Structures are given as structure tokens and as C-alpha cells.
Amino acid sequence: QVHLVESGGGLVEAGGSLRLSCVASGRTFRNYAMGWFRQAPGQEREYVGGISANGGNTDYADYTEGRFTISKDNAKNTVYLHMNSLKPEDTAVYYCAAVAVQNGDNDFMPTEYGPYDYWGQGTQVTVSS
């Protein structure tokens, strides 16, 4: 089992920044690729971005437009989502998720939520206009 806990959400004005953290406990963190997803009220959960198990590769949804950065600190069992130039449409509950990788595959970063095995409880991000 992997237990994930997100933090860092809150209320921010448009154009502001936030850094979300996701701390993992349980199995060996370095063997897991991580993803960030978000879900706004009345909408489906959508992919934000992902990072490979070793932290060397990242992927982002097009709408992040270079505003978001994901990093992974395997020594601290933590993955981060840095968000800059936030917009009101970024308002959502943000979730981190973990999926085990096989044979050290550092290209494995699913963009769909189905493959992910473990999820955090989410943290609310609200961007005011």
C-alpha cells in the first residue's frame, strides 16, 4: 500500500502562484511514477501532468501552457506541483496519484487516471478573478 497526502492548496488571486506537495508513505517511492489530476465541480477528473519514477521525465497537459512544473524528491518521498500565473479556470480539487513501474521504465507516465493504483484525498485550489 502507498498512502498519499496532498497539501498546499488554498485561495489565491489570478496571476498568483501555489506549490502543492504530495507526501507518500509505504512502499518504495522511487519505484512509482506520479501523476497530478484535478477535478472541478460538475466536471470529470482531468490530467494535469506526470513525472517518471526517477524524476527525470515530465509530461504536462496542453492547457498548463508552461505555467506548471512537476518535480519529485525521492529522498523525501514527495512530489510537487508548482503552479504559476494561475487562472480562475484552474480552480479545482487537485489530486496526486501513484503507479508502480516495471523494470525501471522511466518513460511510463500514464495520462489517464485508470492505471494509477493509489490516490490522495485531494487539496482545494481556488483562484479568484
Protein backbone atom coordinates (compact mmCIF):
# COMPACT_ATOMS: atom_id res chain seq x y z
CA GLN A 1 0.00 0.00 0.00
CA VAL A 2 1.02 3.58 -0.68
CA HIS A 3 -0.59 6.36 1.29
CA LEU A 4 -0.59 9.80 -0.36
CA VAL A 5 -1.31 13.10 1.35
CA GLU A 6 -1.58 16.36 -0.56
CA SER A 7 -1.16 19.81 0.92
CA GLY A 8 -0.57 23.37 -0.19
CA GLY A 9 -3.91 24.26 -1.67
CA GLY A 10 -5.72 27.46 -0.85
CA LEU A 11 -7.18 30.68 -2.16
CA VAL A 12 -5.05 32.78 -4.48
CA GLU A 13 -5.70 35.71 -6.78
CA ALA A 14 -5.44 35.32 -10.53
CA GLY A 15 -1.83 35.59 -11.60
CA GLY A 16 -0.59 34.17 -8.33
CA SER A 17 1.31 31.00 -7.54
CA LEU A 18 0.94 27.95 -5.39
CA ARG A 19 3.06 24.90 -4.67
CA LEU A 20 1.24 21.68 -3.94
CA SER A 21 3.02 18.85 -2.17
CA CYS A 22 2.20 15.17 -2.08
CA VAL A 23 3.95 13.06 0.54
CA ALA A 24 3.98 9.29 0.12
CA SER A 25 4.39 6.60 2.71
CA GLY A 26 4.51 2.87 2.40
CA ARG A 27 6.26 1.21 -0.49
CA THR A 28 9.47 2.39 -2.14
CA PHE A 29 8.65 5.78 -3.61
CA ARG A 30 11.35 5.64 -6.26
CA ASN A 31 9.56 2.74 -7.93
CA TYR A 32 6.46 4.82 -8.62
CA ALA A 33 5.60 7.24 -11.37
CA MET A 34 3.41 10.05 -10.14
CA GLY A 35 0.58 11.96 -11.69
CA TRP A 36 -1.38 15.08 -10.84
CA PHE A 37 -5.05 15.35 -11.73
CA ARG A 38 -7.74 17.88 -10.98
CA GLN A 39 -11.49 17.94 -10.80
CA ALA A 40 -13.70 21.00 -10.90
CA PRO A 41 -17.33 20.90 -9.72
CA GLY A 42 -19.54 19.17 -12.23
CA GLN A 43 -16.62 18.15 -14.40
CA GLU A 44 -14.67 14.98 -14.91
CA ARG A 45 -11.28 14.43 -13.38
CA GLU A 46 -8.61 15.60 -15.81
CA TYR A 47 -4.91 15.04 -16.18
CA VAL A 48 -2.59 17.87 -15.17
CA GLY A 49 0.78 16.23 -15.62
CA GLY A 50 3.07 13.42 -14.59
CA ILE A 51 6.62 12.57 -13.64
CA SER A 52 8.63 9.41 -14.09
CA ALA A 53 9.76 7.19 -11.25
CA ASN A 54 13.28 8.62 -11.24
CA GLY A 55 12.01 12.17 -11.65
CA GLY A 56 13.89 12.64 -14.89
CA ASN A 57 10.94 12.88 -17.27
CA THR A 58 7.84 15.01 -17.05
CA ASP A 59 4.71 15.49 -19.10
CA TYR A 60 2.04 18.16 -18.98
CA ALA A 61 -1.44 18.72 -20.29
CA ASP A 62 -1.54 21.33 -23.03
CA TYR A 63 -3.66 23.72 -21.02
CA THR A 64 -0.89 24.17 -18.45
CA GLU A 65 0.91 26.23 -21.12
CA GLY A 66 4.26 26.15 -19.34
CA ARG A 67 2.75 27.55 -16.15
CA PHE A 68 3.03 24.31 -14.14
CA THR A 69 6.11 22.33 -13.14
CA ILE A 70 6.25 18.91 -11.50
CA SER A 71 9.23 17.73 -9.52
CA LYS A 72 9.94 14.62 -7.46
CA ASP A 73 12.23 14.24 -4.48
CA ASN A 74 12.70 10.53 -3.88
CA ALA A 75 14.75 11.17 -0.75
CA LYS A 76 11.77 12.97 0.79
CA ASN A 77 9.09 10.75 -0.70
CA THR A 78 7.49 13.89 -2.08
CA VAL A 79 6.22 15.10 -5.43
CA TYR A 80 5.48 18.76 -6.05
CA LEU A 81 3.25 20.69 -8.40
CA HIS A 82 4.41 24.26 -8.84
CA MET A 83 1.71 26.43 -10.39
CA ASN A 84 2.36 29.94 -11.67
CA SER A 85 0.17 32.50 -13.44
CA LEU A 86 -2.93 30.87 -12.06
CA LYS A 87 -6.26 31.50 -13.72
CA PRO A 88 -9.79 31.24 -12.33
CA GLU A 89 -10.32 28.21 -14.56
CA ASP A 90 -7.58 26.42 -12.61
CA THR A 91 -9.96 26.25 -9.65
CA ALA A 92 -10.41 22.59 -8.74
CA VAL A 93 -9.54 19.88 -6.27
CA TYR A 94 -6.07 18.65 -7.12
CA TYR A 95 -5.10 15.03 -6.59
CA CYS A 96 -1.80 13.22 -6.75
CA ALA A 97 -1.66 9.59 -7.80
CA ALA A 98 0.95 6.84 -7.89
CA VAL A 99 1.51 3.88 -10.18
CA ALA A 100 4.20 1.23 -9.85
CA VAL A 101 6.65 0.96 -12.75
CA GLN A 102 8.19 -2.22 -14.06
CA ASN A 103 11.86 -2.77 -14.81
CA GLY A 104 12.79 0.85 -14.10
CA ASP A 105 10.74 2.18 -17.01
CA ASN A 106 11.21 5.94 -16.85
CA ASP A 107 9.02 6.60 -19.87
CA PHE A 108 5.93 5.29 -18.09
CA MET A 109 3.71 8.23 -17.16
CA PRO A 110 0.04 7.44 -17.76
CA THR A 111 -2.13 10.35 -18.78
CA GLU A 112 -5.37 8.57 -17.90
CA TYR A 113 -6.45 8.04 -14.33
CA GLY A 114 -7.23 4.35 -14.82
CA PRO A 115 -3.70 2.94 -14.47
CA TYR A 116 -2.97 4.73 -11.21
CA ASP A 117 -3.14 2.49 -8.17
CA TYR A 118 -3.11 4.98 -5.32
CA TRP A 119 -4.70 8.39 -4.82
CA GLY A 120 -4.51 11.14 -2.26
CA GLN A 121 -7.54 12.80 -0.73
CA GLY A 122 -7.12 15.98 -2.75
CA THR A 123 -6.43 19.60 -1.94
CA GLN A 124 -8.64 22.51 -2.96
CA VAL A 125 -7.22 25.27 -5.14
CA THR A 126 -9.38 28.34 -5.64
CA VAL A 127 -8.28 31.16 -7.92
CA SER A 128 -10.20 34.39 -7.63
CA SER A 129 -10.59 36.80 -10.52
